[in-house]
N, C-alpha and C. Protein backbone atom coordinates (compact mmCIF):
# COMPACT_ATOMS: atom_id res chain seq x y z
N MET A 1 84.38 145.84 -3.35
CA MET A 1 84.69 147.14 -3.68
C MET A 1 84.79 148.14 -4.10
N LYS A 2 83.99 148.50 -5.24
CA LYS A 2 83.55 149.11 -5.95
C LYS A 2 82.86 149.92 -4.97
N SER A 3 82.12 149.89 -3.99
CA SER A 3 81.05 150.78 -3.28
C SER A 3 81.91 150.57 -2.34
N GLU A 4 83.43 149.99 -1.91
CA GLU A 4 83.89 150.53 -0.70
C GLU A 4 84.58 152.28 -1.25
N ALA A 5 85.12 152.50 -2.81
CA ALA A 5 85.25 153.36 -2.82
C ALA A 5 84.94 154.30 -3.17
N ILE A 6 83.32 154.49 -3.27
CA ILE A 6 81.78 155.48 -3.88
C ILE A 6 81.88 155.90 -1.96
N GLY A 7 82.11 154.97 -1.34
CA GLY A 7 82.04 154.94 0.28
C GLY A 7 83.17 156.18 0.52
N TRP A 8 84.56 155.85 0.22
CA TRP A 8 85.59 156.39 1.26
C TRP A 8 85.77 157.84 0.55
N PHE A 9 85.66 157.97 -1.11
CA PHE A 9 85.50 159.39 -1.49
C PHE A 9 84.80 160.31 -1.23
N SER A 10 83.46 159.40 -0.92
CA SER A 10 81.61 160.92 -0.27
C SER A 10 82.48 161.11 0.99
N SER A 11 83.25 160.15 1.99
CA SER A 11 83.41 160.46 3.07
C SER A 11 84.44 161.30 2.83
N PHE A 12 85.66 161.58 1.79
CA PHE A 12 86.37 162.35 2.02
C PHE A 12 85.99 163.68 1.38
N VAL A 13 85.16 163.75 0.75
CA VAL A 13 84.47 165.34 0.59
C VAL A 13 83.84 165.36 1.32
N LEU A 14 83.21 165.50 1.98
CA LEU A 14 82.34 165.18 3.47
C LEU A 14 83.00 166.01 4.89
N VAL A 15 84.42 165.21 4.34
CA VAL A 15 85.46 165.71 6.22
C VAL A 15 85.74 167.46 5.44
N LEU A 16 86.26 166.80 4.43
CA LEU A 16 87.15 168.72 3.71
C LEU A 16 85.88 169.21 3.49
N THR A 17 84.53 169.69 3.48
CA THR A 17 83.70 170.39 3.02
C THR A 17 83.91 170.68 5.06
N ILE A 18 83.40 170.08 6.44
CA ILE A 18 83.94 170.58 6.87
C ILE A 18 84.46 171.04 7.75
N ALA A 19 85.57 170.42 7.47
CA ALA A 19 86.80 170.98 7.90
C ALA A 19 87.18 172.32 7.67
N ASN A 20 86.39 172.50 6.27
CA ASN A 20 87.02 174.46 5.41
C ASN A 20 86.42 174.50 6.20
N GLN A 21 85.08 174.85 6.49
CA GLN A 21 84.12 175.76 7.24
C GLN A 21 84.71 175.58 8.09
N VAL A 22 85.51 174.98 8.55
CA VAL A 22 85.90 175.30 10.36
C VAL A 22 86.93 176.21 10.46
N TYR A 23 87.70 175.68 9.57
CA TYR A 23 89.20 175.87 8.99
C TYR A 23 88.58 178.00 8.76
N LYS A 24 87.98 178.58 8.03
CA LYS A 24 87.28 179.40 7.75
C LYS A 24 86.39 180.18 8.86
N GLN A 25 86.18 179.98 9.82
CA GLN A 25 85.31 180.13 11.28
C GLN A 25 87.26 180.27 12.23
N TRP A 26 87.54 179.35 11.58
CA TRP A 26 88.96 179.72 12.72
C TRP A 26 89.61 180.84 12.23
N LYS A 27 89.82 181.45 10.95
CA LYS A 27 90.60 182.08 10.03
C LYS A 27 90.13 183.64 9.76
N SER A 28 88.70 183.39 10.21
CA SER A 28 88.32 184.87 10.17
C SER A 28 87.77 185.65 11.68
N GLY A 29 88.02 184.95 13.22
CA GLY A 29 87.90 185.12 14.03
C GLY A 29 87.08 186.08 14.73
N THR A 30 85.70 185.71 14.45
CA THR A 30 85.03 185.23 14.51
C THR A 30 83.71 184.34 13.57
N SER A 31 82.53 183.69 15.31
CA SER A 31 81.50 182.96 14.92
C SER A 31 80.80 183.75 15.33
N GLN A 32 80.12 184.47 14.70
CA GLN A 32 78.79 185.48 14.59
C GLN A 32 78.09 184.37 13.42
N GLY A 33 76.61 184.16 14.36
CA GLY A 33 76.09 184.12 13.96
C GLY A 33 76.00 182.02 13.44
N VAL A 34 77.00 181.98 14.53
CA VAL A 34 77.44 180.37 14.79
C VAL A 34 77.16 179.73 15.63
N SER A 35 75.85 178.47 16.13
CA SER A 35 75.48 178.49 17.20
C SER A 35 76.19 177.03 17.94
N LYS A 36 77.17 177.28 18.96
CA LYS A 36 77.14 176.49 20.23
C LYS A 36 76.93 175.22 19.57
N TRP A 37 75.32 174.96 19.29
CA TRP A 37 74.29 173.76 19.52
C TRP A 37 74.64 172.89 18.56
N LEU A 38 75.04 173.50 17.22
CA LEU A 38 75.31 173.24 16.47
C LEU A 38 76.47 171.69 16.65
N PHE A 39 77.57 172.63 16.92
CA PHE A 39 78.54 171.48 17.80
C PHE A 39 78.88 170.30 18.22
N LEU A 40 77.26 170.72 19.36
CA LEU A 40 77.30 169.74 20.81
C LEU A 40 77.01 168.92 19.97
N GLY A 41 75.49 169.25 18.76
CA GLY A 41 74.48 168.12 18.46
C GLY A 41 75.16 166.83 17.56
N GLN A 42 76.01 167.89 17.01
CA GLN A 42 77.39 167.25 15.73
C GLN A 42 77.95 166.45 16.77
N ILE A 43 78.50 166.55 18.10
CA ILE A 43 79.40 165.92 18.63
C ILE A 43 78.22 164.15 19.11
N THR A 44 76.92 164.71 20.10
CA THR A 44 76.06 164.34 20.00
C THR A 44 76.00 162.73 18.86
N ALA A 45 75.22 163.46 17.84
CA ALA A 45 75.75 162.53 16.51
C ALA A 45 76.68 161.63 16.13
N SER A 46 78.08 162.57 16.12
CA SER A 46 79.40 161.57 16.13
C SER A 46 79.53 160.41 16.73
N VAL A 47 79.53 160.96 18.03
CA VAL A 47 80.13 159.74 19.08
C VAL A 47 78.88 158.08 18.94
N GLY A 48 77.40 158.45 18.69
CA GLY A 48 76.26 157.88 18.50
C GLY A 48 76.84 157.23 16.76
N PHE A 49 77.02 157.82 16.19
CA PHE A 49 77.74 156.65 14.79
C PHE A 49 78.53 156.62 14.77
N THR A 50 79.86 156.93 15.19
CA THR A 50 81.08 155.75 15.29
C THR A 50 80.62 155.01 15.95
N THR A 51 80.27 154.76 17.46
CA THR A 51 79.99 153.67 17.68
C THR A 51 79.15 153.04 16.93
N TYR A 52 78.43 152.99 16.34
CA TYR A 52 77.30 151.86 15.92
C TYR A 52 77.74 151.82 14.59
N SER A 53 79.08 152.26 13.61
CA SER A 53 79.66 152.16 13.01
C SER A 53 81.19 150.85 13.13
N LEU A 54 81.45 151.35 14.22
CA LEU A 54 81.82 150.18 15.35
C LEU A 54 81.25 149.25 15.25
N MET A 55 80.40 148.88 15.98
CA MET A 55 79.21 147.62 16.40
C MET A 55 78.78 146.68 14.79
N VAL A 56 78.77 147.63 13.82
CA VAL A 56 78.46 146.61 12.68
C VAL A 56 79.75 146.79 11.59
N GLY A 57 81.02 147.49 12.32
CA GLY A 57 82.52 146.56 11.40
C GLY A 57 82.41 147.54 9.86
N ASN A 58 81.79 148.42 9.60
CA ASN A 58 82.30 149.69 8.92
C ASN A 58 82.82 150.82 8.82
N TRP A 59 84.12 150.47 8.60
CA TRP A 59 85.44 151.23 8.70
C TRP A 59 85.17 152.72 8.00
N VAL A 60 84.44 152.63 6.27
CA VAL A 60 84.27 154.19 5.92
C VAL A 60 83.58 155.39 6.87
N PHE A 61 82.63 154.22 7.49
CA PHE A 61 81.72 155.71 8.87
C PHE A 61 82.45 155.61 10.24
N VAL A 62 83.14 154.12 10.19
CA VAL A 62 83.78 155.06 11.54
C VAL A 62 84.70 156.21 11.34
N VAL A 63 86.20 155.97 10.34
CA VAL A 63 86.78 156.37 10.25
C VAL A 63 85.93 158.00 9.77
N THR A 64 84.85 158.59 8.99
CA THR A 64 84.59 159.56 8.72
C THR A 64 83.61 160.38 9.75
N ASN A 65 82.83 159.15 10.56
CA ASN A 65 82.25 160.01 11.94
C ASN A 65 83.09 159.82 13.09
N ALA A 66 84.52 159.47 13.44
CA ALA A 66 85.13 159.81 14.14
C ALA A 66 86.01 161.00 13.63
N LEU A 67 86.52 161.28 12.93
CA LEU A 67 87.22 162.55 11.83
C LEU A 67 86.06 163.77 11.77
N LEU A 68 84.59 163.68 12.07
CA LEU A 68 83.43 165.22 12.27
C LEU A 68 83.46 164.74 13.69
N LEU A 69 83.83 163.74 14.45
CA LEU A 69 83.93 164.34 15.70
C LEU A 69 85.21 165.00 16.19
N VAL A 70 85.63 164.92 15.37
CA VAL A 70 87.17 165.44 16.04
C VAL A 70 86.89 167.17 15.57
N SER A 71 86.22 167.24 14.27
CA SER A 71 85.85 168.35 13.51
C SER A 71 85.07 169.15 15.02
N ALA A 72 83.51 168.36 14.76
CA ALA A 72 82.83 169.27 15.56
C ALA A 72 83.33 170.13 16.75
N VAL A 73 84.19 169.06 17.54
CA VAL A 73 84.90 169.07 18.83
C VAL A 73 86.02 170.98 18.25
N VAL A 74 86.15 170.88 17.53
CA VAL A 74 87.18 171.78 17.30
C VAL A 74 86.15 172.66 16.49
N GLY A 75 85.49 173.07 16.71
CA GLY A 75 84.65 173.47 16.33
C GLY A 75 84.36 174.40 17.11
N VAL A 76 83.10 173.84 18.37
CA VAL A 76 82.39 174.19 19.38
C VAL A 76 84.05 174.73 20.35
N VAL A 77 85.12 174.34 19.78
CA VAL A 77 86.35 174.96 20.99
C VAL A 77 86.37 176.71 20.03
N ILE A 78 86.45 176.72 19.40
CA ILE A 78 86.34 177.57 18.58
C ILE A 78 85.57 179.09 18.88
N VAL A 79 84.63 178.64 18.53
CA VAL A 79 83.25 179.53 19.17
C VAL A 79 83.24 179.71 20.60
N LEU A 80 83.41 179.46 21.37
CA LEU A 80 83.91 179.14 22.18
C LEU A 80 84.94 180.49 22.98
N LYS A 81 86.34 180.57 22.15
CA LYS A 81 87.23 181.28 22.73
C LYS A 81 86.62 182.16 22.01
N HIS A 82 86.08 182.34 20.55
CA HIS A 82 85.69 183.55 19.87
C HIS A 82 84.54 184.58 20.85
N ARG A 83 84.23 183.59 21.80
CA ARG A 83 82.76 184.37 22.71
C ARG A 83 83.51 185.16 23.73
N ARG A 84 84.22 184.81 24.10
CA ARG A 84 85.60 184.92 26.08
C ARG A 84 85.60 186.03 24.82
N ALA A 85 86.38 186.12 23.70
CA ALA A 85 86.91 187.36 23.28
C ALA A 85 85.64 188.36 23.09
N GLU A 86 84.95 188.12 22.92
CA GLU A 86 83.55 188.71 22.47
C GLU A 86 82.83 189.69 23.52
N ARG A 87 82.89 189.09 24.43
CA ARG A 87 83.18 189.48 25.91
C ARG A 87 83.87 190.48 26.56
N ARG A 88 84.81 190.04 26.50
CA ARG A 88 86.19 190.76 27.27
C ARG A 88 86.12 192.25 26.06
N GLN A 89 86.03 191.74 24.82
CA GLN A 89 86.56 193.16 24.36
C GLN A 89 84.77 194.01 24.50
N ALA A 90 83.34 193.58 24.58
CA ALA A 90 82.15 194.32 25.12
C ALA A 90 82.69 195.00 26.75
N ARG A 91 83.55 194.35 27.42
CA ARG A 91 83.72 194.58 29.07
C ARG A 91 85.00 196.11 29.03
N ARG A 92 86.26 195.86 28.15
CA ARG A 92 87.05 196.59 27.62
C ARG A 92 85.90 198.38 27.19
N HIS A 93 85.88 197.74 26.56
CA HIS A 93 84.88 198.89 25.47
C HIS A 93 83.28 199.41 26.76
N ALA A 94 82.85 198.64 27.49
CA ALA A 94 82.19 199.79 28.58
C ALA A 94 82.83 200.20 29.43
N VAL A 95 83.93 200.29 29.71
CA VAL A 95 84.55 200.80 30.51
C VAL A 95 85.03 202.36 30.44
N PRO A 96 84.80 202.97 30.95
CA PRO A 96 85.36 204.75 30.55
C PRO A 96 87.03 204.54 30.02
N PRO A 97 87.34 205.15 29.29
CA PRO A 97 89.59 205.23 29.30
C PRO A 97 89.55 205.92 30.34
N GLU A 98 89.11 207.22 30.76
CA GLU A 98 89.04 207.82 32.28
C GLU A 98 89.65 206.38 33.17
N ALA A 99 88.59 205.85 33.52
CA ALA A 99 88.13 204.99 34.39
C ALA A 99 89.48 203.51 33.84
N ARG A 100 90.20 203.08 33.05
CA ARG A 100 90.59 202.08 33.67
C ARG A 100 91.99 202.46 33.45
N PRO A 101 92.89 201.14 34.17
CA PRO A 101 94.03 201.62 34.46
C PRO A 101 94.77 201.64 34.04
N ALA A 102 95.81 202.70 34.30
CA ALA A 102 97.22 203.32 33.41
C ALA A 102 98.79 201.49 33.04
N ARG A 103 98.47 201.80 32.08
CA ARG A 103 99.66 200.87 31.72
C ARG A 103 100.76 201.02 32.00
N ALA A 104 101.29 200.28 32.65
CA ALA A 104 102.65 200.81 33.04
C ALA A 104 104.55 200.25 32.01
């Protein structure tokens, strides 16, 4: 039972740490220097580890890896959203002001 408590505590700390990083990325409004491949790799690993954990019946790791999977999906969505916004802004600045359509 003591080993189970250590596992759940460690899981909580890991998930909290990753969730905090994803939140900071979202709150900052930028994903500068963050690779989408980091999250895609994390998604792949989390799916595999969650499946494995289910197969061996380890609920600490099932929950941990499922939550890490969710955080990776949220993280990659944020990266893609930020990159799209950056491309839009770059296009907007690439068009001279006099060539922009007037807003009604």
